[in-house]
Amino acid sequence: MPSSLALRITRIETIPVAILLERFRQTRLRGCGQPFIYAEAQLELLRDVDPRSLYPAQNYVLQADHQRLLALYRAFLERGHDLFALEGGLHFWLQNEETGEEEGPIPLTPPVVELSLEADGRTIPLINDGMHRVYTALRLQRTIHIIQVRNVPRQWPYYAYPLANGWEDVEELTELPADYVKKAYRDPDHYKDLFRDFNALFPGIQKNRPRGRGLT
């Protein structure tokens, strides 16, 4: 395992679940006038969910991201926190191995899953954020706590379709090939309009960090 995965967590601050859910309620769309998409939705912390029951919308996971999450999982366990059983959210700080300085705060929340009504009439638990965390829980044969969102306005579905066969359609890649088709977008020309901007609420949650320390 590369040395960059020998993570040293220096500080952790918890976010109570009630505050976490209220903050997620302020989620806006990137486009379409930037509405508060969850203003009338029901959000709840759902515990001990089988990862196999959740549908990804992305065609791949990266082995490096999976290994980073395994390292984070072990590092958090040493501090008394279970990455897959969060009773709220966290901000944490890491020590930069080269400079010795703190990096953070880095947000960590349970994955966000919308109950998405699809054209064929099925309601699909569709992963919006946290696919690699769900995948890592699946590989470890663990259940996982999620933020479940019900009754999202039908005119603003998640910007990509769920994979037809769930995790069976997901490839584990060592690197992303050029021109790889990541997702099947509902509106390929304007898919970013339907993007849920969680990053505005928790800066860094949807951003890859230097040295590969983003969370996905």
Protein backbone atom coordinates (compact mmCIF):
# COMPACT_ATOMS: atom_id res chain seq x y z
CA MET A 1 0.00 0.00 0.00
CA PRO A 2 1.45 3.42 -0.90
CA SER A 3 2.67 5.54 2.00
CA SER A 4 0.02 8.17 1.20
CA LEU A 5 -2.52 5.72 2.60
CA ALA A 6 -0.86 5.59 6.03
CA LEU A 7 -3.31 8.18 7.27
CA ARG A 8 -2.92 10.06 10.53
CA ILE A 9 -6.13 11.69 11.71
CA THR A 10 -5.30 14.62 13.98
CA ARG A 11 -8.77 15.92 14.88
CA ILE A 12 -12.41 14.92 14.53
CA GLU A 13 -15.51 17.08 15.04
CA THR A 14 -18.95 15.47 14.98
CA ILE A 15 -22.11 16.84 13.33
CA PRO A 16 -25.32 15.72 15.09
CA VAL A 17 -27.75 13.92 12.80
CA ALA A 18 -30.50 16.56 13.18
CA ILE A 19 -28.12 19.30 12.06
CA LEU A 20 -26.80 17.09 9.27
CA LEU A 21 -30.28 16.42 7.87
CA GLU A 22 -31.26 20.08 8.11
CA ARG A 23 -28.14 21.08 6.22
CA PHE A 24 -28.81 18.52 3.49
CA ARG A 25 -32.31 19.97 3.21
CA GLN A 26 -30.65 23.13 1.86
CA THR A 27 -29.30 21.27 -1.19
CA ARG A 28 -29.70 23.19 -4.43
CA LEU A 29 -29.54 22.09 -8.03
CA ARG A 30 -26.64 23.36 -10.10
CA GLY A 31 -29.08 24.63 -12.77
CA CYS A 32 -32.85 24.96 -13.38
CA GLY A 33 -32.86 28.16 -11.33
CA GLN A 34 -30.99 26.48 -8.46
CA PRO A 35 -34.07 25.38 -6.47
CA PHE A 36 -33.87 23.82 -3.02
CA ILE A 37 -34.53 20.35 -4.35
CA TYR A 38 -35.13 18.76 -0.91
CA ALA A 39 -37.29 21.54 0.51
CA GLU A 40 -40.41 19.32 0.61
CA ALA A 41 -38.66 15.95 0.71
CA GLN A 42 -38.37 13.57 3.66
CA LEU A 43 -34.80 12.97 4.83
CA GLU A 44 -33.83 10.38 7.41
CA LEU A 45 -30.83 8.43 8.64
CA LEU A 46 -31.44 4.83 7.64
CA ARG A 47 -29.31 2.33 9.55
CA ASP A 48 -27.77 -1.01 8.60
CA VAL A 49 -28.70 -1.00 4.92
CA ASP A 50 -27.52 -3.84 2.68
CA PRO A 51 -25.18 -2.23 0.08
CA ARG A 52 -26.43 -4.69 -2.54
CA SER A 53 -29.88 -3.10 -2.32
CA LEU A 54 -28.57 0.31 -3.43
CA TYR A 55 -28.22 1.21 -7.10
CA PRO A 56 -25.13 2.97 -8.45
CA ALA A 57 -25.37 5.33 -11.41
CA GLN A 58 -21.66 5.20 -12.26
CA ASN A 59 -20.17 2.47 -14.42
CA TYR A 60 -16.93 2.07 -12.49
CA VAL A 61 -15.05 2.29 -9.23
CA LEU A 62 -11.33 2.95 -8.95
CA GLN A 63 -9.15 0.53 -7.03
CA ALA A 64 -7.13 3.42 -5.58
CA ASP A 65 -10.28 5.03 -4.13
CA HIS A 66 -11.33 1.70 -2.66
CA GLN A 67 -7.91 1.29 -1.02
CA ARG A 68 -8.04 4.85 0.36
CA LEU A 69 -11.39 4.14 1.94
CA LEU A 70 -10.10 0.93 3.48
CA ALA A 71 -7.26 2.97 5.02
CA LEU A 72 -9.72 5.58 6.29
CA TYR A 73 -11.96 2.87 7.69
CA ARG A 74 -9.09 1.44 9.73
CA ALA A 75 -7.86 4.86 10.83
CA PHE A 76 -11.34 5.87 12.03
CA LEU A 77 -11.82 2.60 13.89
CA GLU A 78 -8.67 3.39 15.86
CA ARG A 79 -10.35 6.65 16.91
CA GLY A 80 -13.63 4.97 17.84
CA HIS A 81 -15.64 5.85 14.72
CA ASP A 82 -17.13 3.32 12.30
CA LEU A 83 -17.07 4.72 8.76
CA PHE A 84 -20.10 2.59 7.83
CA ALA A 85 -22.20 3.31 10.92
CA LEU A 86 -22.08 7.08 11.27
CA GLU A 87 -24.80 8.51 13.53
CA GLY A 88 -24.40 11.92 11.88
CA GLY A 89 -21.54 13.60 10.07
CA LEU A 90 -17.91 14.39 10.75
CA HIS A 91 -15.27 16.93 9.94
CA PHE A 92 -11.75 15.61 10.27
CA TRP A 93 -8.17 16.74 9.75
CA LEU A 94 -5.17 14.80 8.45
CA GLN A 95 -1.48 15.39 8.95
CA ASN A 96 0.41 16.04 5.72
CA GLU A 97 3.22 13.47 5.67
CA GLU A 98 5.66 15.78 3.88
CA THR A 99 5.10 19.08 5.71
CA GLY A 100 3.68 17.87 9.03
CA GLU A 101 0.88 20.44 8.67
CA GLU A 102 -2.81 19.76 9.16
CA GLU A 103 -5.08 19.42 6.15
CA GLY A 104 -8.79 19.97 6.60
CA PRO A 105 -11.50 20.16 7.55
CA ILE A 106 -12.58 17.24 5.35
CA PRO A 107 -16.32 16.42 5.50
CA LEU A 108 -17.59 12.89 5.93
CA THR A 109 -21.28 11.97 5.93
CA PRO A 110 -23.28 8.83 5.27
CA PRO A 111 -23.91 8.27 1.54
CA VAL A 112 -26.91 10.14 0.13
CA VAL A 113 -29.51 7.88 -1.53
CA GLU A 114 -32.66 9.12 -3.27
CA LEU A 115 -35.72 6.99 -3.83
CA SER A 116 -35.98 7.64 -7.55
CA LEU A 117 -39.18 6.94 -9.48
CA GLU A 118 -38.10 5.64 -12.88
CA ALA A 119 -39.97 5.54 -16.18
CA ASP A 120 -40.73 1.82 -15.82
CA GLY A 121 -42.63 2.51 -12.58
CA ARG A 122 -39.98 1.17 -10.22
CA THR A 123 -38.77 3.19 -7.27
CA ILE A 124 -34.99 2.75 -7.12
CA PRO A 125 -32.73 3.57 -4.13
CA LEU A 126 -30.22 5.51 -6.24
CA ILE A 127 -26.83 6.51 -4.83
CA ASN A 128 -26.28 10.26 -5.26
CA ASP A 129 -23.08 10.61 -3.26
CA GLY A 130 -20.79 8.02 -1.67
CA MET A 131 -20.63 5.24 -4.26
CA HIS A 132 -17.10 4.16 -3.30
CA ARG A 133 -18.08 4.02 0.38
CA VAL A 134 -21.02 1.78 -0.46
CA TYR A 135 -18.79 -0.37 -2.66
CA THR A 136 -16.20 -0.73 0.11
CA ALA A 137 -18.91 -1.74 2.59
CA LEU A 138 -20.13 -4.31 0.05
CA ARG A 139 -16.61 -5.72 -0.36
CA LEU A 140 -16.26 -5.98 3.43
CA GLN A 141 -19.71 -7.60 3.70
CA ARG A 142 -20.82 -4.78 5.96
CA THR A 143 -24.12 -2.96 6.21
CA ILE A 144 -24.02 0.82 5.96
CA HIS A 145 -25.93 3.81 7.34
CA ILE A 146 -27.28 6.15 4.65
CA ILE A 147 -29.14 9.44 4.31
CA GLN A 148 -32.35 8.41 2.51
CA VAL A 149 -34.35 11.04 0.63
CA ARG A 150 -38.00 10.48 -0.30
CA ASN A 151 -40.39 12.49 -2.48
CA VAL A 152 -37.91 14.41 -4.60
CA PRO A 153 -39.83 16.47 -7.21
CA ARG A 154 -40.26 14.30 -10.29
CA GLN A 155 -39.26 17.11 -12.67
CA TRP A 156 -35.75 17.06 -11.15
CA PRO A 157 -34.56 13.45 -11.20
CA TYR A 158 -30.97 12.55 -10.43
CA TYR A 159 -28.86 13.52 -13.42
CA ALA A 160 -27.87 9.93 -14.36
CA TYR A 161 -29.81 6.70 -14.73
CA PRO A 162 -29.35 3.80 -12.31
CA LEU A 163 -27.43 0.85 -13.71
CA ALA A 164 -29.91 -1.74 -14.90
CA ASN A 165 -28.28 -4.64 -13.04
CA GLY A 166 -26.97 -2.70 -10.08
CA TRP A 167 -23.49 -3.63 -8.90
CA GLU A 168 -23.19 -6.38 -11.52
CA ASP A 169 -22.70 -3.62 -14.11
CA VAL A 170 -19.89 -1.88 -12.20
CA GLU A 171 -16.28 -2.32 -13.33
CA GLU A 172 -13.34 -2.03 -10.92
CA LEU A 173 -10.58 -0.16 -12.74
CA THR A 174 -6.96 0.61 -11.95
CA GLU A 175 -7.25 3.84 -13.95
CA LEU A 176 -9.88 5.59 -16.01
CA PRO A 177 -9.33 5.10 -19.77
CA ALA A 178 -9.59 8.08 -22.08
CA ASP A 179 -13.14 8.65 -23.35
CA TYR A 180 -14.56 6.16 -20.84
CA VAL A 181 -18.36 6.46 -20.55
CA LYS A 182 -18.83 7.14 -16.84
CA LYS A 183 -22.62 7.40 -16.64
CA ALA A 184 -25.77 7.35 -18.73
CA TYR A 185 -27.03 10.92 -18.39
CA ARG A 186 -30.73 11.69 -18.51
CA ASP A 187 -30.02 14.86 -20.50
CA PRO A 188 -26.53 14.49 -22.00
CA ASP A 189 -26.42 18.09 -23.24
CA HIS A 190 -27.46 19.66 -19.93
CA TYR A 191 -26.82 17.00 -17.32
CA LYS A 192 -25.07 19.42 -14.94
CA ASP A 193 -28.36 21.30 -14.50
CA LEU A 194 -29.63 18.35 -12.42
CA PHE A 195 -26.44 18.03 -10.37
CA ARG A 196 -27.07 18.09 -6.61
CA ASP A 197 -24.62 20.63 -5.20
CA PHE A 198 -23.68 18.99 -1.90
CA ASN A 199 -20.30 20.69 -2.13
CA ALA A 200 -21.91 24.05 -1.36
CA LEU A 201 -23.07 22.62 1.99
CA PHE A 202 -19.98 20.59 2.85
CA PRO A 203 -17.02 22.06 0.95
CA GLY A 204 -14.86 19.26 -0.42
CA ILE A 205 -17.45 16.46 -0.22
CA GLN A 206 -17.71 16.23 -4.02
CA LYS A 207 -14.16 17.32 -4.78
CA ASN A 208 -11.03 15.25 -5.35
CA ARG A 209 -8.34 16.53 -3.02
CA PRO A 210 -4.60 16.77 -3.70
CA ARG A 211 -2.73 13.51 -3.10
CA GLY A 212 -5.96 11.58 -3.65
CA ARG A 213 -7.59 12.35 -0.32
CA GLY A 214 -11.07 13.10 -1.53
CA LEU A 215 -14.00 10.97 -0.40
CA THR A 216 -16.34 9.41 -2.89
